[in-house]
Amino acid sequence: MRGQIMEIRNFDQFFRDNPIPIWVYDPEDYSIQKVNQAMADSHGYSREEMLSFTLFSDFPGAPEGEHILVLTGE
């Protein structure tokens, strides 16, 4: 159990501190559930603002032709 707690902490730190923009979304409704600061900064929104978006929201300032890489556990 202690090892699992350390893995979760390590992942949370990896997600939060990663310089690569990352988000987590709900596959049912495509709502954005979690955003790291790099993602918010790259699009010019606060993390809180981005949590009100979906994957289909228009993100002004996003690079033209930007693609979403989706990784699933399925």
PDB file of N, CA and C in Angstrom:
ATOM      1  N   MET A   1       0.826  -1.193   0.000  1.00  0.00           N
ATOM      2  CA  MET A   1       0.000   0.000   0.000  1.00  0.00           C
ATOM      3  C   MET A   1       0.872   1.260   0.000  1.00  0.00           C
ATOM      4  N   ARG A   2       1.947   1.255   0.770  1.00  0.00           N
ATOM      5  CA  ARG A   2       2.822   2.422   0.844  1.00  0.00           C
ATOM      6  C   ARG A   2       3.432   2.738  -0.525  1.00  0.00           C
ATOM      7  N   GLY A   3       3.799   1.685  -1.266  1.00  0.00           N
ATOM      8  CA  GLY A   3       4.350   1.865  -2.604  1.00  0.00           C
ATOM      9  C   GLY A   3       3.345   2.504  -3.546  1.00  0.00           C
ATOM     10  N   GLN A   4       2.072   2.127  -3.421  1.00  0.00           N
ATOM     11  CA  GLN A   4       1.024   2.709  -4.265  1.00  0.00           C
ATOM     12  C   GLN A   4       0.844   4.189  -3.963  1.00  0.00           C
ATOM     13  N   ILE A   5       0.932   4.555  -2.692  1.00  0.00           N
ATOM     14  CA  ILE A   5       0.808   5.966  -2.312  1.00  0.00           C
ATOM     15  C   ILE A   5       1.951   6.767  -2.909  1.00  0.00           C
ATOM     16  N   MET A   6       3.166   6.215  -2.880  1.00  0.00           N
ATOM     17  CA  MET A   6       4.316   6.902  -3.467  1.00  0.00           C
ATOM     18  C   MET A   6       4.147   7.051  -4.976  1.00  0.00           C
ATOM     19  N   GLU A   7       3.605   6.027  -5.655  1.00  0.00           N
ATOM     20  CA  GLU A   7       3.377   6.101  -7.094  1.00  0.00           C
ATOM     21  C   GLU A   7       2.389   7.211  -7.423  1.00  0.00           C
ATOM     22  N   ILE A   8       1.321   7.327  -6.641  1.00  0.00           N
ATOM     23  CA  ILE A   8       0.325   8.374  -6.865  1.00  0.00           C
ATOM     24  C   ILE A   8       0.955   9.745  -6.661  1.00  0.00           C
ATOM     25  N   ARG A   9       1.736   9.899  -5.603  1.00  0.00           N
ATOM     26  CA  ARG A   9       2.407  11.180  -5.348  1.00  0.00           C
ATOM     27  C   ARG A   9       3.360  11.519  -6.483  1.00  0.00           C
ATOM     28  N   ASN A  10       4.118  10.520  -6.945  1.00  0.00           N
ATOM     29  CA  ASN A  10       5.058  10.744  -8.035  1.00  0.00           C
ATOM     30  C   ASN A  10       4.313  11.150  -9.304  1.00  0.00           C
ATOM     31  N   PHE A  11       3.185  10.500  -9.601  1.00  0.00           N
ATOM     32  CA  PHE A  11       2.423  10.852 -10.789  1.00  0.00           C
ATOM     33  C   PHE A  11       1.867  12.259 -10.660  1.00  0.00           C
ATOM     34  N   ASP A  12       1.313  12.595  -9.495  1.00  0.00           N
ATOM     35  CA  ASP A  12       0.769  13.945  -9.293  1.00  0.00           C
ATOM     36  C   ASP A  12       1.846  14.999  -9.492  1.00  0.00           C
ATOM     37  N   GLN A  13       3.036  14.751  -8.980  1.00  0.00           N
ATOM     38  CA  GLN A  13       4.136  15.704  -9.158  1.00  0.00           C
ATOM     39  C   GLN A  13       4.561  15.753 -10.619  1.00  0.00           C
ATOM     40  N   PHE A  14       4.650  14.602 -11.270  1.00  0.00           N
ATOM     41  CA  PHE A  14       4.995  14.538 -12.688  1.00  0.00           C
ATOM     42  C   PHE A  14       3.990  15.345 -13.511  1.00  0.00           C
ATOM     43  N   PHE A  15       2.715  15.148 -13.239  1.00  0.00           N
ATOM     44  CA  PHE A  15       1.659  15.859 -13.972  1.00  0.00           C
ATOM     45  C   PHE A  15       1.746  17.358 -13.722  1.00  0.00           C
ATOM     46  N   ARG A  16       1.809  17.741 -12.480  1.00  0.00           N
ATOM     47  CA  ARG A  16       1.794  19.155 -12.091  1.00  0.00           C
ATOM     48  C   ARG A  16       3.011  19.909 -12.609  1.00  0.00           C
ATOM     49  N   ASP A  17       4.193  19.322 -12.466  1.00  0.00           N
ATOM     50  CA  ASP A  17       5.439  20.021 -12.772  1.00  0.00           C
ATOM     51  C   ASP A  17       5.943  19.817 -14.199  1.00  0.00           C
ATOM     52  N   ASN A  18       5.263  19.025 -14.980  1.00  0.00           N
ATOM     53  CA  ASN A  18       5.730  18.725 -16.330  1.00  0.00           C
ATOM     54  C   ASN A  18       5.663  19.970 -17.209  1.00  0.00           C
ATOM     55  N   PRO A  19       6.726  20.280 -17.951  1.00  0.00           N
ATOM     56  CA  PRO A  19       6.702  21.445 -18.833  1.00  0.00           C
ATOM     57  C   PRO A  19       5.887  21.209 -20.110  1.00  0.00           C
ATOM     58  N   ILE A  20       5.515  19.953 -20.348  1.00  0.00           N
ATOM     59  CA  ILE A  20       4.691  19.624 -21.511  1.00  0.00           C
ATOM     60  C   ILE A  20       3.226  19.803 -21.131  1.00  0.00           C
ATOM     61  N   PRO A  21       2.451  20.536 -21.939  1.00  0.00           N
ATOM     62  CA  PRO A  21       1.026  20.723 -21.639  1.00  0.00           C
ATOM     63  C   PRO A  21       0.279  19.384 -21.612  1.00  0.00           C
ATOM     64  N   ILE A  22      -0.445  19.139 -20.516  1.00  0.00           N
ATOM     65  CA  ILE A  22      -1.180  17.882 -20.339  1.00  0.00           C
ATOM     66  C   ILE A  22      -2.568  18.190 -19.786  1.00  0.00           C
ATOM     67  N   TRP A  23      -3.551  17.445 -20.282  1.00  0.00           N
ATOM     68  CA  TRP A  23      -4.875  17.503 -19.682  1.00  0.00           C
ATOM     69  C   TRP A  23      -5.445  16.105 -19.589  1.00  0.00           C
ATOM     70  N   VAL A  24      -6.422  15.946 -18.712  1.00  0.00           N
ATOM     71  CA  VAL A  24      -7.143  14.694 -18.532  1.00  0.00           C
ATOM     72  C   VAL A  24      -8.603  15.018 -18.793  1.00  0.00           C
ATOM     73  N   TYR A  25      -9.259  14.152 -19.563  1.00  0.00           N
ATOM     74  CA  TYR A  25     -10.665  14.416 -19.886  1.00  0.00           C
ATOM     75  C   TYR A  25     -11.525  13.204 -19.573  1.00  0.00           C
ATOM     76  N   ASP A  26     -12.831  13.459 -19.473  1.00  0.00           N
ATOM     77  CA  ASP A  26     -13.820  12.414 -19.232  1.00  0.00           C
ATOM     78  C   ASP A  26     -14.235  11.846 -20.592  1.00  0.00           C
ATOM     79  N   PRO A  27     -14.024  10.543 -20.835  1.00  0.00           N
ATOM     80  CA  PRO A  27     -14.361   9.977 -22.138  1.00  0.00           C
ATOM     81  C   PRO A  27     -15.866   9.903 -22.410  1.00  0.00           C
ATOM     82  N   GLU A  28     -16.676  10.105 -21.395  1.00  0.00           N
ATOM     83  CA  GLU A  28     -18.131  10.082 -21.591  1.00  0.00           C
ATOM     84  C   GLU A  28     -18.638  11.369 -22.241  1.00  0.00           C
ATOM     85  N   ASP A  29     -18.172  12.510 -21.722  1.00  0.00           N
ATOM     86  CA  ASP A  29     -18.689  13.786 -22.242  1.00  0.00           C
ATOM     87  C   ASP A  29     -17.580  14.715 -22.754  1.00  0.00           C
ATOM     88  N   TYR A  30     -16.352  14.232 -22.742  1.00  0.00           N
ATOM     89  CA  TYR A  30     -15.186  14.975 -23.241  1.00  0.00           C
ATOM     90  C   TYR A  30     -14.900  16.261 -22.458  1.00  0.00           C
ATOM     91  N   SER A  31     -15.416  16.346 -21.247  1.00  0.00           N
ATOM     92  CA  SER A  31     -15.120  17.512 -20.417  1.00  0.00           C
ATOM     93  C   SER A  31     -13.705  17.384 -19.863  1.00  0.00           C
ATOM     94  N   ILE A  32     -13.026  18.506 -19.763  1.00  0.00           N
ATOM     95  CA  ILE A  32     -11.674  18.518 -19.238  1.00  0.00           C
ATOM     96  C   ILE A  32     -11.761  18.424 -17.712  1.00  0.00           C
ATOM     97  N   GLN A  33     -11.078  17.431 -17.154  1.00  0.00           N
ATOM     98  CA  GLN A  33     -11.153  17.155 -15.723  1.00  0.00           C
ATOM     99  C   GLN A  33      -9.947  17.660 -14.939  1.00  0.00           C
ATOM    100  N   LYS A  34      -8.783  17.687 -15.589  1.00  0.00           N
ATOM    101  CA  LYS A  34      -7.560  18.085 -14.901  1.00  0.00           C
ATOM    102  C   LYS A  34      -6.622  18.694 -15.932  1.00  0.00           C
ATOM    103  N   VAL A  35      -5.939  19.761 -15.556  1.00  0.00           N
ATOM    104  CA  VAL A  35      -5.052  20.488 -16.455  1.00  0.00           C
ATOM    105  C   VAL A  35      -3.799  20.865 -15.679  1.00  0.00           C
ATOM    106  N   ASN A  36      -2.617  20.655 -16.292  1.00  0.00           N
ATOM    107  CA  ASN A  36      -1.414  21.133 -15.612  1.00  0.00           C
ATOM    108  C   ASN A  36      -1.177  22.599 -15.994  1.00  0.00           C
ATOM    109  N   GLN A  37      -0.303  23.246 -15.275  1.00  0.00           N
ATOM    110  CA  GLN A  37      -0.075  24.684 -15.485  1.00  0.00           C
ATOM    111  C   GLN A  37       0.493  24.971 -16.874  1.00  0.00           C
ATOM    112  N   ALA A  38       1.315  24.062 -17.394  1.00  0.00           N
ATOM    113  CA  ALA A  38       1.873  24.255 -18.737  1.00  0.00           C
ATOM    114  C   ALA A  38       0.770  24.322 -19.788  1.00  0.00           C
ATOM    115  N   MET A  39      -0.282  23.527 -19.631  1.00  0.00           N
ATOM    116  CA  MET A  39      -1.404  23.567 -20.578  1.00  0.00           C
ATOM    117  C   MET A  39      -2.126  24.901 -20.476  1.00  0.00           C
ATOM    118  N   ALA A  40      -2.403  25.336 -19.272  1.00  0.00           N
ATOM    119  CA  ALA A  40      -3.096  26.621 -19.086  1.00  0.00           C
ATOM    120  C   ALA A  40      -2.253  27.760 -19.651  1.00  0.00           C
ATOM    121  N   ASP A  41      -0.969  27.761 -19.349  1.00  0.00           N
ATOM    122  CA  ASP A  41      -0.091  28.825 -19.831  1.00  0.00           C
ATOM    123  C   ASP A  41      -0.004  28.841 -21.353  1.00  0.00           C
ATOM    124  N   SER A  42       0.042  27.663 -21.965  1.00  0.00           N
ATOM    125  CA  SER A  42       0.207  27.601 -23.421  1.00  0.00           C
ATOM    126  C   SER A  42      -1.012  28.118 -24.166  1.00  0.00           C
ATOM    127  N   HIS A  43      -2.175  28.116 -23.496  1.00  0.00           N
ATOM    128  CA  HIS A  43      -3.398  28.586 -24.142  1.00  0.00           C
ATOM    129  C   HIS A  43      -3.890  29.921 -23.594  1.00  0.00           C
ATOM    130  N   GLY A  44      -3.217  30.437 -22.577  1.00  0.00           N
ATOM    131  CA  GLY A  44      -3.571  31.751 -22.047  1.00  0.00           C
ATOM    132  C   GLY A  44      -4.785  31.777 -21.142  1.00  0.00           C
ATOM    133  N   TYR A  45      -5.127  30.659 -20.562  1.00  0.00           N
ATOM    134  CA  TYR A  45      -6.259  30.580 -19.633  1.00  0.00           C
ATOM    135  C   TYR A  45      -5.754  30.157 -18.261  1.00  0.00           C
ATOM    136  N   SER A  46      -6.570  30.389 -17.247  1.00  0.00           N
ATOM    137  CA  SER A  46      -6.252  29.833 -15.934  1.00  0.00           C
ATOM    138  C   SER A  46      -6.634  28.354 -15.950  1.00  0.00           C
ATOM    139  N   ARG A  47      -6.087  27.606 -15.025  1.00  0.00           N
ATOM    140  CA  ARG A  47      -6.463  26.195 -14.926  1.00  0.00           C
ATOM    141  C   ARG A  47      -7.953  26.064 -14.658  1.00  0.00           C
ATOM    142  N   GLU A  48      -8.479  26.946 -13.818  1.00  0.00           N
ATOM    143  CA  GLU A  48      -9.901  26.896 -13.486  1.00  0.00           C
ATOM    144  C   GLU A  48     -10.764  27.144 -14.720  1.00  0.00           C
ATOM    145  N   GLU A  49     -10.365  28.119 -15.557  1.00  0.00           N
ATOM    146  CA  GLU A  49     -11.119  28.391 -16.782  1.00  0.00           C
ATOM    147  C   GLU A  49     -11.120  27.168 -17.704  1.00  0.00           C
ATOM    148  N   MET A  50      -9.975  26.528 -17.827  1.00  0.00           N
ATOM    149  CA  MET A  50      -9.882  25.385 -18.734  1.00  0.00           C
ATOM    150  C   MET A  50     -10.745  24.219 -18.274  1.00  0.00           C
ATOM    151  N   LEU A  51     -11.011  24.122 -16.983  1.00  0.00           N
ATOM    152  CA  LEU A  51     -11.852  23.037 -16.477  1.00  0.00           C
ATOM    153  C   LEU A  51     -13.308  23.191 -16.905  1.00  0.00           C
ATOM    154  N   SER A  52     -13.674  24.351 -17.431  1.00  0.00           N
ATOM    155  CA  SER A  52     -15.046  24.548 -17.923  1.00  0.00           C
ATOM    156  C   SER A  52     -15.167  24.196 -19.405  1.00  0.00           C
ATOM    157  N   PHE A  53     -14.061  23.784 -20.051  1.00  0.00           N
ATOM    158  CA  PHE A  53     -14.059  23.474 -21.477  1.00  0.00           C
ATOM    159  C   PHE A  53     -14.240  21.980 -21.724  1.00  0.00           C
ATOM    160  N   THR A  54     -14.473  21.658 -22.989  1.00  0.00           N
ATOM    161  CA  THR A  54     -14.447  20.274 -23.450  1.00  0.00           C
ATOM    162  C   THR A  54     -13.326  20.161 -24.485  1.00  0.00           C
ATOM    163  N   LEU A  55     -13.066  18.954 -24.940  1.00  0.00           N
ATOM    164  CA  LEU A  55     -12.051  18.771 -25.973  1.00  0.00           C
ATOM    165  C   LEU A  55     -12.422  19.472 -27.270  1.00  0.00           C
ATOM    166  N   PHE A  56     -13.707  19.792 -27.424  1.00  0.00           N
ATOM    167  CA  PHE A  56     -14.168  20.411 -28.662  1.00  0.00           C
ATOM    168  C   PHE A  56     -14.272  21.923 -28.550  1.00  0.00           C
ATOM    169  N   SER A  57     -13.873  22.487 -27.422  1.00  0.00           N
ATOM    170  CA  SER A  57     -13.881  23.938 -27.258  1.00  0.00           C
ATOM    171  C   SER A  57     -12.838  24.555 -28.178  1.00  0.00           C
ATOM    172  N   ASP A  58     -13.115  25.757 -28.634  1.00  0.00           N
ATOM    173  CA  ASP A  58     -12.172  26.486 -29.462  1.00  0.00           C
ATOM    174  C   ASP A  58     -11.181  27.177 -28.533  1.00  0.00           C
ATOM    175  N   PHE A  59      -9.896  26.930 -28.737  1.00  0.00           N
ATOM    176  CA  PHE A  59      -8.864  27.515 -27.896  1.00  0.00           C
ATOM    177  C   PHE A  59      -8.112  28.585 -28.666  1.00  0.00           C
ATOM    178  N   PRO A  60      -8.513  29.843 -28.508  1.00  0.00           N
ATOM    179  CA  PRO A  60      -7.762  30.901 -29.184  1.00  0.00           C
ATOM    180  C   PRO A  60      -6.301  30.873 -28.757  1.00  0.00           C
ATOM    181  N   GLY A  61      -5.431  31.093 -29.704  1.00  0.00           N
ATOM    182  CA  GLY A  61      -4.007  31.108 -29.404  1.00  0.00           C
ATOM    183  C   GLY A  61      -3.339  29.760 -29.543  1.00  0.00           C
ATOM    184  N   ALA A  62      -4.123  28.707 -29.782  1.00  0.00           N
ATOM    185  CA  ALA A  62      -3.518  27.393 -29.979  1.00  0.00           C
ATOM    186  C   ALA A  62      -2.810  27.378 -31.330  1.00  0.00           C
ATOM    187  N   PRO A  63      -1.676  26.712 -31.407  1.00  0.00           N
ATOM    188  CA  PRO A  63      -0.969  26.654 -32.681  1.00  0.00           C
ATOM    189  C   PRO A  63      -1.836  26.044 -33.773  1.00  0.00           C
ATOM    190  N   GLU A  64      -1.770  26.586 -34.982  1.00  0.00           N
ATOM    191  CA  GLU A  64      -2.567  26.073 -36.090  1.00  0.00           C
ATOM    192  C   GLU A  64      -2.182  24.628 -36.357  1.00  0.00           C
ATOM    193  N   GLY A  65      -3.186  23.796 -36.545  1.00  0.00           N
ATOM    194  CA  GLY A  65      -2.935  22.386 -36.817  1.00  0.00           C
ATOM    195  C   GLY A  65      -2.597  21.579 -35.580  1.00  0.00           C
ATOM    196  N   GLU A  66      -2.779  22.157 -34.409  1.00  0.00           N
ATOM    197  CA  GLU A  66      -2.478  21.420 -33.177  1.00  0.00           C
ATOM    198  C   GLU A  66      -3.384  20.203 -33.094  1.00  0.00           C
ATOM    199  N   HIS A  67      -2.805  19.096 -32.696  1.00  0.00           N
ATOM    200  CA  HIS A  67      -3.567  17.858 -32.577  1.00  0.00           C
ATOM    201  C   HIS A  67      -3.573  17.418 -31.123  1.00  0.00           C
ATOM    202  N   ILE A  68      -4.608  16.694 -30.776  1.00  0.00           N
ATOM    203  CA  ILE A  68      -4.741  16.162 -29.426  1.00  0.00           C
ATOM    204  C   ILE A  68      -4.282  14.712 -29.436  1.00  0.00           C
ATOM    205  N   LEU A  69      -3.317  14.388 -28.599  1.00  0.00           N
ATOM    206  CA  LEU A  69      -2.886  13.013 -28.439  1.00  0.00           C
ATOM    207  C   LEU A  69      -3.669  12.430 -27.276  1.00  0.00           C
ATOM    208  N   VAL A  70      -4.406  11.378 -27.552  1.00  0.00           N
ATOM    209  CA  VAL A  70      -5.238  10.776 -26.525  1.00  0.00           C
ATOM    210  C   VAL A  70      -4.666   9.413 -26.165  1.00  0.00           C
ATOM    211  N   LEU A  71      -4.366   9.243 -24.900  1.00  0.00           N
ATOM    212  CA  LEU A  71      -3.900   7.960 -24.383  1.00  0.00           C
ATOM    213  C   LEU A  71      -4.973   7.409 -23.473  1.00  0.00           C
ATOM    214  N   THR A  72      -5.379   6.177 -23.720  1.00  0.00           N
ATOM    215  CA  THR A  72      -6.415   5.574 -22.891  1.00  0.00           C
ATOM    216  C   THR A  72      -5.881   4.302 -22.263  1.00  0.00           C
ATOM    217  N   GLY A  73      -6.557   3.862 -21.252  1.00  0.00           N
ATOM    218  CA  GLY A  73      -6.172   2.617 -20.581  1.00  0.00           C
ATOM    219  C   GLY A  73      -6.880   1.420 -21.169  1.00  0.00           C
ATOM    220  N   GLU A  74      -7.570   1.618 -22.266  1.00  0.00           N
ATOM    221  CA  GLU A  74      -8.328   0.509 -22.868  1.00  0.00           C
ATOM    222  C   GLU A  74      -7.519  -0.229 -23.896  1.00  0.00           C
TER     223      GLU A  74
END
